[in-house]
C-alpha atoms as a PDB file:
ATOM      1  CA  UNK A   1      -0.012   0.012  -0.100  1.00  0.00           C
ATOM      2  CA  UNK A   2       3.045   2.409   0.747  1.00  0.00           C
ATOM      3  CA  UNK A   3       4.295   2.252  -2.548  1.00  0.00           C
ATOM      4  CA  UNK A   4       0.698   2.689  -3.985  1.00  0.00           C
ATOM      5  CA  UNK A   5       0.783   5.662  -2.286  1.00  0.00           C
ATOM      6  CA  UNK A   6       4.256   6.801  -3.605  1.00  0.00           C
ATOM      7  CA  UNK A   7       5.208   8.645  -0.647  1.00  0.00           C
ATOM      8  CA  UNK A   8       2.281  10.848  -0.960  1.00  0.00           C
ATOM      9  CA  UNK A   9       1.237  12.307   2.727  1.00  0.00           C
ATOM     10  CA  UNK A  10      -2.060  11.080   4.371  1.00  0.00           C
ATOM     11  CA  UNK A  11      -3.601  13.942   6.419  1.00  0.00           C
ATOM     12  CA  UNK A  12      -6.384  13.012   8.666  1.00  0.00           C
ATOM     13  CA  UNK A  13      -9.085  15.812   9.296  1.00  0.00           C
ATOM     14  CA  UNK A  14     -12.248  15.414  11.815  1.00  0.00           C
ATOM     15  CA  UNK A  15     -13.967  16.433  14.615  1.00  0.00           C
ATOM     16  CA  UNK A  16     -12.011  16.149  18.121  1.00  0.00           C
ATOM     17  CA  UNK A  17     -12.208  12.543  19.847  1.00  0.00           C
ATOM     18  CA  UNK A  18     -12.761  11.199  16.517  1.00  0.00           C
ATOM     19  CA  UNK A  19      -9.378   9.126  16.779  1.00  0.00           C
ATOM     20  CA  UNK A  20      -7.267  11.140  14.291  1.00  0.00           C
ATOM     21  CA  UNK A  21      -4.127  10.502  16.288  1.00  0.00           C
ATOM     22  CA  UNK A  22      -4.887   6.684  17.190  1.00  0.00           C
ATOM     23  CA  UNK A  23      -5.977   5.899  13.824  1.00  0.00           C
ATOM     24  CA  UNK A  24      -3.234   7.900  12.515  1.00  0.00           C
ATOM     25  CA  UNK A  25      -0.419   5.903  14.270  1.00  0.00           C
ATOM     26  CA  UNK A  26      -1.901   2.488  12.999  1.00  0.00           C
ATOM     27  CA  UNK A  27      -1.957   3.665   9.405  1.00  0.00           C
ATOM     28  CA  UNK A  28       1.607   5.263   9.839  1.00  0.00           C
ATOM     29  CA  UNK A  29       2.775   1.674  11.325  1.00  0.00           C
ATOM     30  CA  UNK A  30       1.021   0.036   8.329  1.00  0.00           C
ATOM     31  CA  UNK A  31       2.199   2.185   5.720  1.00  0.00           C
ATOM     32  CA  UNK A  32       5.744   2.281   6.980  1.00  0.00           C
ATOM     33  CA  UNK A  33       5.251   6.052   7.393  1.00  0.00           C
ATOM     34  CA  UNK A  34       6.348   8.470  10.052  1.00  0.00           C
ATOM     35  CA  UNK A  35       3.662   9.829  12.017  1.00  0.00           C
ATOM     36  CA  UNK A  36       3.116  13.568  12.809  1.00  0.00           C
ATOM     37  CA  UNK A  37       0.283  15.034  15.257  1.00  0.00           C
ATOM     38  CA  UNK A  38       0.025  18.827  14.581  1.00  0.00           C
ATOM     39  CA  UNK A  39      -1.298  19.441  18.126  1.00  0.00           C
ATOM     40  CA  UNK A  40       1.710  17.772  19.642  1.00  0.00           C
ATOM     41  CA  UNK A  41       4.202  19.594  17.546  1.00  0.00           C
ATOM     42  CA  UNK A  42       2.513  22.711  18.332  1.00  0.00           C
ATOM     43  CA  UNK A  43       2.803  21.693  22.466  1.00  0.00           C
ATOM     44  CA  UNK A  44       6.397  20.734  22.013  1.00  0.00           C
ATOM     45  CA  UNK A  45       7.384  24.064  20.220  1.00  0.00           C
ATOM     46  CA  UNK A  46       5.788  26.141  22.532  1.00  0.00           C
ATOM     47  CA  UNK A  47       6.294  24.301  25.509  1.00  0.00           C
ATOM     48  CA  UNK A  48       2.453  24.746  26.737  1.00  0.00           C
ATOM     49  CA  UNK A  49      -0.567  22.704  26.262  1.00  0.00           C
ATOM     50  CA  UNK A  50      -3.256  23.198  23.605  1.00  0.00           C
ATOM     51  CA  UNK A  51      -5.415  24.491  26.519  1.00  0.00           C
ATOM     52  CA  UNK A  52      -2.738  26.980  27.905  1.00  0.00           C
ATOM     53  CA  UNK A  53      -2.339  28.377  24.256  1.00  0.00           C
ATOM     54  CA  UNK A  54      -6.071  28.920  23.890  1.00  0.00           C
ATOM     55  CA  UNK A  55      -5.967  30.664  27.320  1.00  0.00           C
ATOM     56  CA  UNK A  56      -2.879  32.686  26.777  1.00  0.00           C
ATOM     57  CA  UNK A  57      -3.049  33.769  22.950  1.00  0.00           C
ATOM     58  CA  UNK A  58      -6.271  32.669  22.076  1.00  0.00           C
ATOM     59  CA  UNK A  59      -8.051  30.626  19.315  1.00  0.00           C
ATOM     60  CA  UNK A  60      -6.832  32.953  16.380  1.00  0.00           C
ATOM     61  CA  UNK A  61      -2.930  32.909  17.514  1.00  0.00           C
ATOM     62  CA  UNK A  62      -3.420  29.001  18.015  1.00  0.00           C
ATOM     63  CA  UNK A  63      -4.723  28.551  14.299  1.00  0.00           C
ATOM     64  CA  UNK A  64      -1.765  30.564  12.778  1.00  0.00           C
ATOM     65  CA  UNK A  65       0.518  28.189  14.637  1.00  0.00           C
ATOM     66  CA  UNK A  66      -1.435  25.152  13.530  1.00  0.00           C
ATOM     67  CA  UNK A  67      -0.892  26.701   9.571  1.00  0.00           C
ATOM     68  CA  UNK A  68       2.791  27.263  10.235  1.00  0.00           C
ATOM     69  CA  UNK A  69       3.262  23.711  11.533  1.00  0.00           C
ATOM     70  CA  UNK A  70       1.386  22.269   8.190  1.00  0.00           C
ATOM     71  CA  UNK A  71       3.075  24.309   5.957  1.00  0.00           C
ATOM     72  CA  UNK A  72       6.260  22.738   7.084  1.00  0.00           C
ATOM     73  CA  UNK A  73       4.949  19.177   7.464  1.00  0.00           C
ATOM     74  CA  UNK A  74       3.611  18.862   3.938  1.00  0.00           C
ATOM     75  CA  UNK A  75       7.317  19.743   2.561  1.00  0.00           C
ATOM     76  CA  UNK A  76       7.903  16.213   3.724  1.00  0.00           C
ATOM     77  CA  UNK A  77       6.489  12.812   2.319  1.00  0.00           C
ATOM     78  CA  UNK A  78       5.724   9.735   3.754  1.00  0.00           C
ATOM     79  CA  UNK A  79       3.611  10.822   6.865  1.00  0.00           C
ATOM     80  CA  UNK A  80       0.695  10.362   8.023  1.00  0.00           C
ATOM     81  CA  UNK A  81      -0.474  13.674   9.750  1.00  0.00           C
ATOM     82  CA  UNK A  82      -3.114  14.049  12.516  1.00  0.00           C
ATOM     83  CA  UNK A  83      -4.334  17.426  12.054  1.00  0.00           C
ATOM     84  CA  UNK A  84      -6.380  19.752  14.776  1.00  0.00           C
ATOM     85  CA  UNK A  85     -10.007  19.457  14.463  1.00  0.00           C
ATOM     86  CA  UNK A  86     -10.394  23.202  13.360  1.00  0.00           C
ATOM     87  CA  UNK A  87      -7.719  23.002  11.050  1.00  0.00           C
ATOM     88  CA  UNK A  88      -9.825  23.086   7.992  1.00  0.00           C
ATOM     89  CA  UNK A  89     -11.431  26.316   9.120  1.00  0.00           C
ATOM     90  CA  UNK A  90      -8.518  28.586   7.380  1.00  0.00           C
ATOM     91  CA  UNK A  91      -8.795  28.451   3.715  1.00  0.00           C
ATOM     92  CA  UNK A  92      -4.800  28.703   3.372  1.00  0.00           C
ATOM     93  CA  UNK A  93      -4.517  25.603   5.066  1.00  0.00           C
ATOM     94  CA  UNK A  94      -6.664  23.679   2.357  1.00  0.00           C
ATOM     95  CA  UNK A  95      -3.628  24.449  -0.026  1.00  0.00           C
ATOM     96  CA  UNK A  96      -1.483  22.474   2.356  1.00  0.00           C
ATOM     97  CA  UNK A  97      -3.908  19.769   2.784  1.00  0.00           C
ATOM     98  CA  UNK A  98      -4.200  19.137  -1.094  1.00  0.00           C
ATOM     99  CA  UNK A  99      -0.329  18.226  -1.191  1.00  0.00           C
ATOM    100  CA  UNK A 100      -1.548  14.849   0.021  1.00  0.00           C
ATOM    101  CA  UNK A 101      -4.654  12.533   0.264  1.00  0.00           C
ATOM    102  CA  UNK A 102      -7.122  13.817   2.882  1.00  0.00           C
ATOM    103  CA  UNK A 103      -9.154  11.461   5.063  1.00  0.00           C
ATOM    104  CA  UNK A 104     -12.264  12.619   6.909  1.00  0.00           C
ATOM    105  CA  UNK A 105     -12.464  10.430   9.708  1.00  0.00           C
ATOM    106  CA  UNK A 106     -16.173  11.044  11.035  1.00  0.00           C
ATOM    107  CA  UNK A 107     -18.392   9.729  13.743  1.00  0.00           C
ATOM    108  CA  UNK A 108     -22.042  10.354  15.434  1.00  0.00           C
ATOM    109  CA  UNK A 109     -22.157  12.873  17.962  1.00  0.00           C
ATOM    110  CA  UNK A 110     -22.749  10.410  20.669  1.00  0.00           C
ATOM    111  CA  UNK A 111     -19.799   8.365  20.066  1.00  0.00           C
ATOM    112  CA  UNK A 112     -17.637  11.439  20.006  1.00  0.00           C
ATOM    113  CA  UNK A 113     -19.112  12.663  23.161  1.00  0.00           C
ATOM    114  CA  UNK A 114     -18.977   9.736  25.451  1.00  0.00           C
ATOM    115  CA  UNK A 115     -15.196   9.630  24.483  1.00  0.00           C
ATOM    116  CA  UNK A 116     -14.731  13.193  25.641  1.00  0.00           C
ATOM    117  CA  UNK A 117     -16.984  13.273  28.628  1.00  0.00           C
ATOM    118  CA  UNK A 118     -13.971  12.905  31.054  1.00  0.00           C
ATOM    119  CA  UNK A 119     -11.666  15.110  28.735  1.00  0.00           C
ATOM    120  CA  UNK A 120     -10.624  18.592  30.289  1.00  0.00           C
ATOM    121  CA  UNK A 121      -7.550  19.140  27.785  1.00  0.00           C
ATOM    122  CA  UNK A 122     -10.047  20.390  25.080  1.00  0.00           C
ATOM    123  CA  UNK A 123     -10.625  23.937  25.284  1.00  0.00           C
ATOM    124  CA  UNK A 124     -13.043  24.175  22.755  1.00  0.00           C
ATOM    125  CA  UNK A 125     -15.306  21.906  25.244  1.00  0.00           C
ATOM    126  CA  UNK A 126     -14.871  23.906  27.994  1.00  0.00           C
ATOM    127  CA  UNK A 127     -18.758  24.708  27.703  1.00  0.00           C
ATOM    128  CA  UNK A 128     -21.635  24.338  29.988  1.00  0.00           C
ATOM    129  CA  UNK A 129     -23.307  22.313  27.177  1.00  0.00           C
ATOM    130  CA  UNK A 130     -20.437  20.587  25.903  1.00  0.00           C
ATOM    131  CA  UNK A 131     -22.602  17.790  23.879  1.00  0.00           C
ATOM    132  CA  UNK A 132     -24.314  21.073  22.300  1.00  0.00           C
ATOM    133  CA  UNK A 133     -20.926  22.782  21.474  1.00  0.00           C
ATOM    134  CA  UNK A 134     -19.666  19.584  19.827  1.00  0.00           C
ATOM    135  CA  UNK A 135     -22.756  19.431  17.701  1.00  0.00           C
ATOM    136  CA  UNK A 136     -22.733  23.277  16.718  1.00  0.00           C
ATOM    137  CA  UNK A 137     -18.683  22.647  15.828  1.00  0.00           C
ATOM    138  CA  UNK A 138     -19.745  19.763  13.649  1.00  0.00           C
ATOM    139  CA  UNK A 139     -22.491  21.490  11.906  1.00  0.00           C
ATOM    140  CA  UNK A 140     -20.000  24.553  11.238  1.00  0.00           C
ATOM    141  CA  UNK A 141     -17.208  22.265   9.905  1.00  0.00           C
ATOM    142  CA  UNK A 142     -19.031  19.451   8.370  1.00  0.00           C
ATOM    143  CA  UNK A 143     -19.084  21.172   4.665  1.00  0.00           C
ATOM    144  CA  UNK A 144     -15.366  21.835   5.012  1.00  0.00           C
ATOM    145  CA  UNK A 145     -14.742  18.386   6.061  1.00  0.00           C
ATOM    146  CA  UNK A 146     -16.886  16.930   3.184  1.00  0.00           C
ATOM    147  CA  UNK A 147     -14.056  18.586   0.659  1.00  0.00           C
ATOM    148  CA  UNK A 148     -12.092  15.323   1.760  1.00  0.00           C
ATOM    149  CA  UNK A 149     -10.919  12.754  -0.974  1.00  0.00           C
ATOM    150  CA  UNK A 150     -11.877   9.835   1.509  1.00  0.00           C
ATOM    151  CA  UNK A 151     -14.901   9.992   4.206  1.00  0.00           C
ATOM    152  CA  UNK A 152     -14.650   6.910   6.527  1.00  0.00           C
ATOM    153  CA  UNK A 153     -17.567   6.940   9.400  1.00  0.00           C
ATOM    154  CA  UNK A 154     -17.078   5.068  12.286  1.00  0.00           C
ATOM    155  CA  UNK A 155     -19.691   3.007  13.862  1.00  0.00           C
ATOM    156  CA  UNK A 156     -20.619   1.787  17.242  1.00  0.00           C
ATOM    157  CA  UNK A 157     -18.075  -0.975  18.331  1.00  0.00           C
ATOM    158  CA  UNK A 158     -15.468  -0.009  15.708  1.00  0.00           C
ATOM    159  CA  UNK A 159     -12.037  -0.438  17.024  1.00  0.00           C
ATOM    160  CA  UNK A 160      -9.379   1.705  15.905  1.00  0.00           C
ATOM    161  CA  UNK A 161      -7.868  -1.026  14.272  1.00  0.00           C
ATOM    162  CA  UNK A 162     -11.323  -1.399  12.183  1.00  0.00           C
ATOM    163  CA  UNK A 163     -11.213   2.091  10.888  1.00  0.00           C
ATOM    164  CA  UNK A 164      -7.317   2.066   9.689  1.00  0.00           C
ATOM    165  CA  UNK A 165      -8.252  -1.302   7.843  1.00  0.00           C
ATOM    166  CA  UNK A 166     -11.428   0.627   6.658  1.00  0.00           C
ATOM    167  CA  UNK A 167      -9.287   3.766   5.466  1.00  0.00           C
ATOM    168  CA  UNK A 168      -6.583   1.442   3.741  1.00  0.00           C
ATOM    169  CA  UNK A 169      -9.104  -0.583   2.132  1.00  0.00           C
ATOM    170  CA  UNK A 170     -10.584   2.921   0.745  1.00  0.00           C
ATOM    171  CA  UNK A 171      -7.200   4.574  -0.522  1.00  0.00           C
ATOM    172  CA  UNK A 172      -7.072   2.865  -3.853  1.00  0.00           C
ATOM    173  CA  UNK A 173     -10.487   4.145  -4.750  1.00  0.00           C
ATOM    174  CA  UNK A 174      -9.334   7.475  -4.868  1.00  0.00           C
ATOM    175  CA  UNK A 175      -5.937   6.950  -6.151  1.00  0.00           C
ATOM    176  CA  UNK A 176      -5.190   7.922  -9.870  1.00  0.00           C
ATOM    177  CA  UNK A 177      -3.671   4.870 -11.523  1.00  0.00           C
ATOM    178  CA  UNK A 178      -0.287   5.329 -12.986  1.00  0.00           C
ATOM    179  CA  UNK A 179      -0.495   4.811 -17.069  1.00  0.00           C
ATOM    180  CA  UNK A 180       2.094   2.635 -18.140  1.00  0.00           C
ATOM    181  CA  UNK A 181       3.398   2.941 -21.661  1.00  0.00           C
END
């Protein structure tokens, strides 16, 4: 499969809690690719958690850091990249994402909410009605997520391995085959 992709990066997009990091690691291993999580890169570079950054510099500055990281990462090949859920909100980021194959990992709100219910590290969910906030973020971002090359919907009971396998099985359907002369 890695040779089928010819070194093209795999970008995982989707709302927080959908499993981009977990599934991304599995895909990277399967493809013999490197793995990058843009949130982790930002946290390491700044020495601050995503929550701290949101609190200290605000969402707009965080999104700029995210774009900066994405612009640097897309210069490499053979990477599986888990992006932040809001990366699709900036038009300039699509220019970077289109350097590779974009996979939208999607799941019903109930599944995502149950995963995130105890997670206090998500700045955009520090809300009285976090389920409502999640719904509203999804509503706002779905038209953008839907521009991905692949749309993989997680089902109740899917393991990260199941999702990674479905991504791998779907990749050939969107790759342009090389014409041999």
